[in-house]
Amino acid sequence: MSMLVLTLIFIYNFLVVFQQQAGAVTVVKGSKCDYFQGSWVADKTYPLYNVSSCPFIEREFNCQNNGRPDQLYLHYRWQPHACNLQRFDGRDFLEKMRGKSIMFVGDSLSRNQWNSLVCLIHSAVPSAKYTTSLLGDVATLTFTEYGVKVMRDRNVFLVDLVREKIGNVLILDSVEQSSKLWNGIDVVVFNTWHWWNRRGPTQPWDYIRVGNKVYKDMDRLVAFGIALNTWANWMNTKFDPSKSKAFFQGISPSHYNGTEWGEPKAKTCKGQTQPILGPTYPGGMPPALGVLKKAIAKITRPITLLDITNLSLLRKDGHPSIYGLTGAQGMDCSHWCLAGVPDTWNQIFYNYL
């Protein structure tokens, strides 16, 4: 092997290590950094916090405490192709958000991200005083010394779900009731999808209404699109970007079909201990993501899509499986263990802020 080849190999390896260890956001010259295009790399400095020290951790996300025997999934870092993400700094986050409020609006995946964020913050300022409150569907954790409120609003469809004489009605073209809680919040992170395919006893509505028409059911992806367009119209007419910032969490994926990642015999995520290496998920993107992006494209006011679908698809190892809320009696390949993948969602969120 020639001296030139050896020199080039040395330089390449040096640059890779340097780039992965650099702390600041560094964009490769001549390229625009896309935080969502990259791959997972092993990093012994991860996870970003010790979940046993987080007083806010919810049982269903606490996989280690629920008996998960492996720990390799904890030690991966998301590495964008064209830059490095700034490492999450909880104290800096609180200083940047001093006196402000953050609200996660959506289903239990929003709660998953909320739980990650408060654990990330607490790990940086473990002695910081805080208060908690619950009012209806809104939970609030306030870091009192900083005046920072980290809130979550359980609203699984974003559009209104009301009780009428005929039963529970999901109104696809109205956010009149839902949006009352969003006003006056400094940073809002929206999310919806996982409840749109619920059927049977867990389906919370009896009928769907659009305008004056009432339906017993309809194509769920179509209903999802109508609801998102309603929300997008609210963003265009009611959201004030001079007072608030808006984000959308994106579509958090599930892993119940091993054929999608090249393991046809795998029917769930149980026993998965490593991510998919490389930048691309073999099974492709879920159709809901296309519907979401089409709706967001109609929004004329500033909004940031946290496009976490692909990076999360690569983490078939990141779910609780039998180490979630219901233990061996259940199989959770939808939510995420903490510490884990949602920490990366919040790291990207932090870099945008």
Protein backbone atom coordinates (compact mmCIF):
# COMPACT_ATOMS: atom_id res chain seq x y z
CA MET A 1 0.00 0.00 0.00
CA SER A 2 1.43 3.36 -1.03
CA MET A 3 2.31 6.15 1.38
CA LEU A 4 -0.33 8.37 -0.31
CA VAL A 5 -3.12 5.86 0.37
CA LEU A 6 -2.04 5.46 4.00
CA THR A 7 -1.98 9.22 4.41
CA LEU A 8 -5.48 9.59 2.94
CA ILE A 9 -6.86 6.87 5.22
CA PHE A 10 -5.31 8.58 8.24
CA ILE A 11 -6.77 11.96 7.27
CA TYR A 12 -10.23 10.45 6.66
CA ASN A 13 -10.30 8.68 10.01
CA PHE A 14 -9.05 11.80 11.78
CA LEU A 15 -11.80 13.93 10.22
CA VAL A 16 -14.53 11.43 11.08
CA VAL A 17 -13.44 11.25 14.72
CA PHE A 18 -13.01 15.03 14.90
CA GLN A 19 -16.44 15.65 13.41
CA GLN A 20 -18.17 13.20 15.74
CA GLN A 21 -16.48 14.59 18.85
CA ALA A 22 -16.93 18.26 18.05
CA GLY A 23 -19.33 19.95 20.41
CA ALA A 24 -20.61 22.85 18.34
CA VAL A 25 -22.85 22.81 15.32
CA THR A 26 -20.49 22.61 12.36
CA VAL A 27 -21.82 22.73 8.83
CA VAL A 28 -19.80 21.15 6.04
CA LYS A 29 -18.69 23.90 3.65
CA GLY A 30 -21.00 24.38 0.71
CA SER A 31 -23.85 22.32 2.21
CA LYS A 32 -26.97 23.07 4.19
CA CYS A 33 -27.27 21.08 7.37
CA ASP A 34 -30.23 18.73 7.49
CA TYR A 35 -30.49 17.47 11.06
CA PHE A 36 -32.68 14.57 9.96
CA GLN A 37 -30.38 12.95 7.40
CA GLY A 38 -27.71 10.88 9.07
CA SER A 39 -27.10 7.64 10.92
CA TRP A 40 -26.75 6.27 14.44
CA VAL A 41 -23.23 5.87 15.80
CA ALA A 42 -22.07 4.20 19.00
CA ASP A 43 -21.06 6.71 21.66
CA LYS A 44 -20.02 5.65 25.16
CA THR A 45 -20.76 9.16 26.50
CA TYR A 46 -24.47 8.46 26.01
CA PRO A 47 -27.14 8.41 27.41
CA LEU A 48 -27.45 12.09 28.25
CA TYR A 49 -28.84 11.37 31.73
CA ASN A 50 -29.29 8.60 34.27
CA VAL A 51 -32.97 7.76 34.27
CA SER A 52 -32.80 6.50 37.87
CA SER A 53 -32.03 10.08 38.95
CA CYS A 54 -35.02 11.61 37.16
CA PRO A 55 -37.96 12.08 39.55
CA PHE A 56 -40.38 12.63 36.65
CA ILE A 57 -39.80 9.39 34.74
CA GLU A 58 -43.04 7.56 33.97
CA ARG A 59 -43.18 3.85 34.51
CA GLU A 60 -44.11 2.90 30.95
CA PHE A 61 -40.94 4.51 29.56
CA ASN A 62 -38.58 3.30 32.30
CA CYS A 63 -37.48 0.12 30.51
CA GLN A 64 -34.42 -0.56 32.67
CA ASN A 65 -36.45 -0.39 35.85
CA ASN A 66 -39.05 -2.65 34.22
CA GLY A 67 -36.42 -5.34 33.74
CA ARG A 68 -34.97 -4.79 30.29
CA PRO A 69 -31.68 -6.73 30.46
CA ASP A 70 -29.70 -5.14 27.60
CA GLN A 71 -28.17 -1.65 27.65
CA LEU A 72 -26.53 -1.26 24.26
CA TYR A 73 -29.53 0.73 22.98
CA LEU A 74 -28.65 3.48 25.47
CA HIS A 75 -25.28 4.21 23.90
CA TYR A 76 -26.10 5.56 20.45
CA ARG A 77 -25.94 9.13 19.17
CA TRP A 78 -27.60 10.55 16.09
CA GLN A 79 -24.99 11.88 13.66
CA PRO A 80 -26.26 14.11 10.82
CA HIS A 81 -24.28 13.83 7.59
CA ALA A 82 -23.45 17.52 7.15
CA CYS A 83 -22.97 18.81 10.68
CA ASN A 84 -22.84 17.98 14.37
CA LEU A 85 -25.71 18.58 16.74
CA GLN A 86 -24.88 20.70 19.74
CA ARG A 87 -25.11 18.50 22.84
CA PHE A 88 -28.18 19.23 24.92
CA ASP A 89 -27.40 21.65 27.75
CA GLY A 90 -30.26 21.80 30.24
CA ARG A 91 -29.02 24.89 32.04
CA ASP A 92 -28.58 26.77 28.75
CA PHE A 93 -32.04 25.62 27.68
CA LEU A 94 -33.57 27.11 30.84
CA GLU A 95 -31.67 30.38 30.36
CA LYS A 96 -32.86 30.64 26.74
CA MET A 97 -36.43 29.91 27.79
CA ARG A 98 -36.40 31.98 31.00
CA GLY A 99 -39.88 33.26 31.78
CA LYS A 100 -41.45 31.32 28.90
CA SER A 101 -43.79 28.38 28.41
CA ILE A 102 -43.49 25.27 26.24
CA MET A 103 -46.48 23.08 25.49
CA PHE A 104 -46.52 19.63 23.88
CA VAL A 105 -49.93 19.08 22.32
CA GLY A 106 -50.88 15.58 21.24
CA ASP A 107 -51.05 11.95 22.28
CA SER A 108 -48.78 9.75 24.42
CA LEU A 109 -45.88 10.28 21.99
CA SER A 110 -46.03 13.93 23.00
CA ARG A 111 -45.91 12.76 26.61
CA ASN A 112 -42.93 10.59 25.70
CA GLN A 113 -41.10 13.67 24.37
CA TRP A 114 -42.22 15.81 27.31
CA ASN A 115 -40.91 13.21 29.76
CA SER A 116 -37.58 13.12 27.94
CA LEU A 117 -37.24 16.90 28.01
CA VAL A 118 -37.90 17.32 31.73
CA CYS A 119 -35.41 14.53 32.51
CA LEU A 120 -32.80 16.18 30.27
CA ILE A 121 -33.32 19.51 32.03
CA HIS A 122 -33.33 18.02 35.54
CA SER A 123 -30.06 16.18 34.92
CA ALA A 124 -28.35 19.53 34.32
CA VAL A 125 -29.88 21.32 37.32
CA PRO A 126 -30.77 18.53 39.78
CA SER A 127 -31.13 20.93 42.69
CA ALA A 128 -33.41 23.37 40.85
CA LYS A 129 -36.75 23.92 42.56
CA TYR A 130 -39.91 22.97 40.69
CA THR A 131 -43.67 22.66 41.06
CA THR A 132 -46.15 20.40 39.31
CA SER A 133 -49.83 20.86 38.55
CA LEU A 134 -52.60 19.08 36.67
CA LEU A 135 -55.64 20.96 35.40
CA GLY A 136 -57.92 18.90 33.20
CA ASP A 137 -55.80 17.42 30.43
CA VAL A 138 -52.95 19.89 30.93
CA ALA A 139 -49.98 18.90 33.09
CA THR A 140 -47.42 21.56 33.96
CA LEU A 141 -43.94 21.28 35.44
CA THR A 142 -42.50 24.68 36.36
CA PHE A 143 -38.82 25.27 37.06
CA THR A 144 -39.56 28.11 39.45
CA GLU A 145 -36.11 29.74 39.60
CA TYR A 146 -36.23 30.25 35.84
CA GLY A 147 -39.96 30.75 35.40
CA VAL A 148 -39.98 28.07 32.71
CA LYS A 149 -43.16 26.05 32.28
CA VAL A 150 -42.94 22.72 30.45
CA MET A 151 -46.52 21.68 29.71
CA ARG A 152 -48.37 18.89 27.99
CA ASP A 153 -51.92 18.97 26.67
CA ARG A 154 -53.43 15.56 25.98
CA ASN A 155 -55.24 16.10 22.68
CA VAL A 156 -54.90 13.03 20.51
CA PHE A 157 -56.64 14.36 17.37
CA LEU A 158 -55.96 18.16 17.58
CA VAL A 159 -59.51 18.72 16.21
CA ASP A 160 -62.54 18.85 18.52
CA LEU A 161 -64.07 15.76 20.09
CA VAL A 162 -67.46 16.59 21.65
CA ARG A 163 -70.28 14.79 23.39
CA GLU A 164 -73.65 15.07 21.62
CA LYS A 165 -76.99 13.23 21.81
CA ILE A 166 -75.86 10.69 19.24
CA GLY A 167 -72.63 10.00 21.14
CA ASN A 168 -69.04 11.19 20.93
CA VAL A 169 -68.46 13.09 17.71
CA LEU A 170 -65.09 13.85 16.15
CA ILE A 171 -65.46 17.15 14.28
CA LEU A 172 -62.81 17.16 11.57
CA ASP A 173 -63.30 20.79 10.54
CA SER A 174 -63.15 22.44 13.97
CA VAL A 175 -60.44 23.27 16.50
CA GLU A 176 -62.60 25.82 18.30
CA GLN A 177 -62.45 24.02 21.63
CA SER A 178 -58.96 22.54 21.33
CA SER A 179 -57.18 25.73 20.34
CA LYS A 180 -58.27 27.67 23.45
CA LEU A 181 -55.41 26.04 25.36
CA TRP A 182 -52.79 26.92 22.74
CA ASN A 183 -53.15 30.67 22.92
CA GLY A 184 -50.49 32.56 24.85
CA ILE A 185 -47.95 29.71 24.83
CA ASP A 186 -44.44 30.76 23.76
CA VAL A 187 -43.43 27.47 22.10
CA VAL A 188 -45.96 24.87 20.97
CA VAL A 189 -45.03 21.39 19.72
CA PHE A 190 -47.97 19.70 17.99
CA ASN A 191 -48.45 16.02 17.27
CA THR A 192 -51.16 13.62 16.15
CA TRP A 193 -51.40 10.28 14.36
CA HIS A 194 -51.33 7.19 16.57
CA TRP A 195 -54.99 7.34 17.58
CA TRP A 196 -56.36 7.70 14.07
CA ASN A 197 -56.40 3.94 13.46
CA ARG A 198 -57.99 3.00 16.79
CA ARG A 199 -61.03 0.73 16.48
CA GLY A 200 -63.29 -1.12 18.85
CA PRO A 201 -63.32 -0.34 22.60
CA THR A 202 -60.30 2.00 22.41
CA GLN A 203 -61.84 4.19 19.68
CA PRO A 204 -62.98 7.31 21.57
CA TRP A 205 -65.55 8.55 19.02
CA ASP A 206 -68.84 7.13 17.73
CA TYR A 207 -69.28 9.38 14.68
CA ILE A 208 -67.28 11.71 12.47
CA ARG A 209 -68.64 15.07 11.35
CA VAL A 210 -67.45 17.25 8.47
CA GLY A 211 -69.63 20.30 7.91
CA ASN A 212 -73.25 19.16 8.09
CA LYS A 213 -72.47 15.55 7.18
CA VAL A 214 -72.18 12.83 9.79
CA TYR A 215 -70.32 9.58 9.08
CA LYS A 216 -70.18 6.33 10.99
CA ASP A 217 -66.63 5.91 9.69
CA MET A 218 -64.36 6.87 6.82
CA ASP A 219 -60.88 6.13 5.50
CA ARG A 220 -58.69 7.01 8.46
CA LEU A 221 -55.88 8.52 6.37
CA VAL A 222 -58.44 10.76 4.65
CA ALA A 223 -59.85 11.80 8.03
CA PHE A 224 -56.34 12.50 9.28
CA GLY A 225 -55.70 14.75 6.26
CA ILE A 226 -58.93 16.72 6.76
CA ALA A 227 -58.09 17.28 10.42
CA LEU A 228 -54.56 18.43 9.60
CA ASN A 229 -55.90 20.88 7.02
CA THR A 230 -58.22 22.28 9.69
CA TRP A 231 -55.28 22.71 12.04
CA ALA A 232 -53.21 24.25 9.22
CA ASN A 233 -56.00 26.77 8.56
CA TRP A 234 -55.95 27.70 12.26
CA MET A 235 -52.20 28.21 12.00
CA ASN A 236 -52.69 30.53 9.01
CA THR A 237 -55.46 32.60 10.58
CA LYS A 238 -55.07 32.48 14.36
CA PHE A 239 -51.44 31.70 15.21
CA ASP A 240 -49.31 34.76 16.00
CA PRO A 241 -45.64 34.11 15.05
CA SER A 242 -44.59 37.40 16.66
CA LYS A 243 -45.50 35.94 20.05
CA SER A 244 -45.05 32.19 19.64
CA LYS A 245 -42.99 29.54 17.88
CA ALA A 246 -44.60 26.44 16.41
CA PHE A 247 -43.19 22.95 15.82
CA PHE A 248 -44.73 19.68 14.69
CA GLN A 249 -43.26 16.51 16.17
CA GLY A 250 -43.57 14.53 12.94
CA ILE A 251 -44.74 10.93 12.69
CA SER A 252 -43.25 8.67 15.35
CA PRO A 253 -43.12 5.16 13.86
CA SER A 254 -43.91 1.73 15.27
CA HIS A 255 -42.09 -1.56 14.68
CA TYR A 256 -44.47 -4.52 14.49
CA ASN A 257 -43.45 -6.00 11.15
CA GLY A 258 -39.92 -7.35 10.79
CA THR A 259 -40.32 -7.67 7.03
CA GLU A 260 -39.84 -3.91 6.87
CA TRP A 261 -36.31 -4.17 8.23
CA GLY A 262 -35.28 -7.48 6.71
CA GLU A 263 -36.36 -9.90 9.45
CA PRO A 264 -39.57 -11.55 8.16
CA LYS A 265 -39.82 -13.83 11.20
CA ALA A 266 -39.93 -10.88 13.60
CA LYS A 267 -43.57 -9.97 14.34
CA THR A 268 -42.72 -7.36 16.95
CA CYS A 269 -39.77 -5.38 18.29
CA LYS A 270 -39.17 -7.88 21.09
CA GLY A 271 -35.52 -8.91 21.35
CA GLN A 272 -34.22 -6.11 19.11
CA THR A 273 -31.00 -4.80 20.62
CA GLN A 274 -29.33 -2.80 17.83
CA PRO A 275 -30.40 -0.08 15.41
CA ILE A 276 -30.40 -0.35 11.65
CA LEU A 277 -27.00 0.90 10.55
CA GLY A 278 -26.88 3.37 7.70
CA PRO A 279 -29.14 6.26 6.73
CA THR A 280 -32.14 4.52 5.13
CA TYR A 281 -35.00 2.42 6.50
CA PRO A 282 -35.62 -0.53 4.15
CA GLY A 283 -39.40 -0.44 4.62
CA GLY A 284 -39.84 3.12 3.43
CA MET A 285 -41.80 5.95 5.01
CA PRO A 286 -45.35 5.61 6.43
CA PRO A 287 -48.10 7.16 4.26
CA ALA A 288 -49.13 9.43 7.14
CA LEU A 289 -45.89 11.36 6.74
CA GLY A 290 -46.79 12.39 3.21
CA VAL A 291 -50.21 13.58 4.39
CA LEU A 292 -48.59 15.59 7.16
CA LYS A 293 -46.04 17.24 4.88
CA LYS A 294 -48.76 18.15 2.39
CA ALA A 295 -50.73 19.90 5.15
CA ILE A 296 -47.69 21.72 6.53
CA ALA A 297 -46.85 22.96 3.02
CA LYS A 298 -50.12 24.92 3.11
CA ILE A 299 -49.10 26.85 6.21
CA THR A 300 -47.88 30.34 5.35
CA ARG A 301 -46.72 31.25 8.85
CA PRO A 302 -43.42 30.01 10.34
CA ILE A 303 -43.47 26.43 11.58
CA THR A 304 -40.72 23.84 11.96
CA LEU A 305 -41.31 20.17 11.23
CA LEU A 306 -39.28 17.97 13.55
CA ASP A 307 -39.00 15.35 10.82
CA ILE A 308 -38.05 12.53 13.18
CA THR A 309 -39.65 9.66 11.25
CA ASN A 310 -36.61 8.27 9.43
CA LEU A 311 -34.15 8.53 12.32
CA SER A 312 -36.72 6.86 14.58
CA LEU A 313 -37.50 4.11 12.05
CA LEU A 314 -33.85 3.11 12.25
CA ARG A 315 -34.26 2.43 15.99
CA LYS A 316 -36.23 -0.83 16.05
CA ASP A 317 -34.32 -1.48 19.30
CA GLY A 318 -35.63 1.61 21.08
CA HIS A 319 -39.12 0.48 22.15
CA PRO A 320 -40.19 -0.94 25.53
CA SER A 321 -41.58 -4.16 23.97
CA ILE A 322 -42.41 -6.28 27.08
CA TYR A 323 -40.63 -3.85 29.39
CA GLY A 324 -43.36 -1.21 29.27
CA LEU A 325 -46.49 -0.41 31.25
CA THR A 326 -48.17 -3.81 31.00
CA GLY A 327 -45.03 -5.95 31.17
CA ALA A 328 -45.03 -9.41 29.61
CA GLN A 329 -48.82 -9.21 29.08
CA GLY A 330 -48.39 -6.41 26.56
CA MET A 331 -46.21 -5.55 23.61
CA ASP A 332 -45.28 -1.91 23.15
CA CYS A 333 -43.44 -1.20 19.91
CA SER A 334 -44.90 2.30 19.59
CA HIS A 335 -43.56 4.25 22.58
CA TRP A 336 -39.87 4.69 23.35
CA CYS A 337 -37.65 3.75 26.26
CA LEU A 338 -36.11 6.58 28.25
CA ALA A 339 -33.33 7.37 28.11
CA GLY A 340 -33.57 6.84 24.38
CA VAL A 341 -34.77 8.07 20.99
CA PRO A 342 -36.94 11.01 22.21
CA ASP A 343 -33.79 12.53 23.72
CA THR A 344 -32.57 12.99 20.16
CA TRP A 345 -35.87 14.60 19.19
CA ASN A 346 -35.32 17.08 22.00
CA GLN A 347 -31.66 17.58 21.12
CA ILE A 348 -32.74 18.63 17.62
CA PHE A 349 -35.52 20.77 19.14
CA TYR A 350 -32.87 22.45 21.32
CA ASN A 351 -30.64 23.11 18.30
CA TYR A 352 -33.54 24.82 16.51
CA LEU A 353 -34.31 26.98 19.53
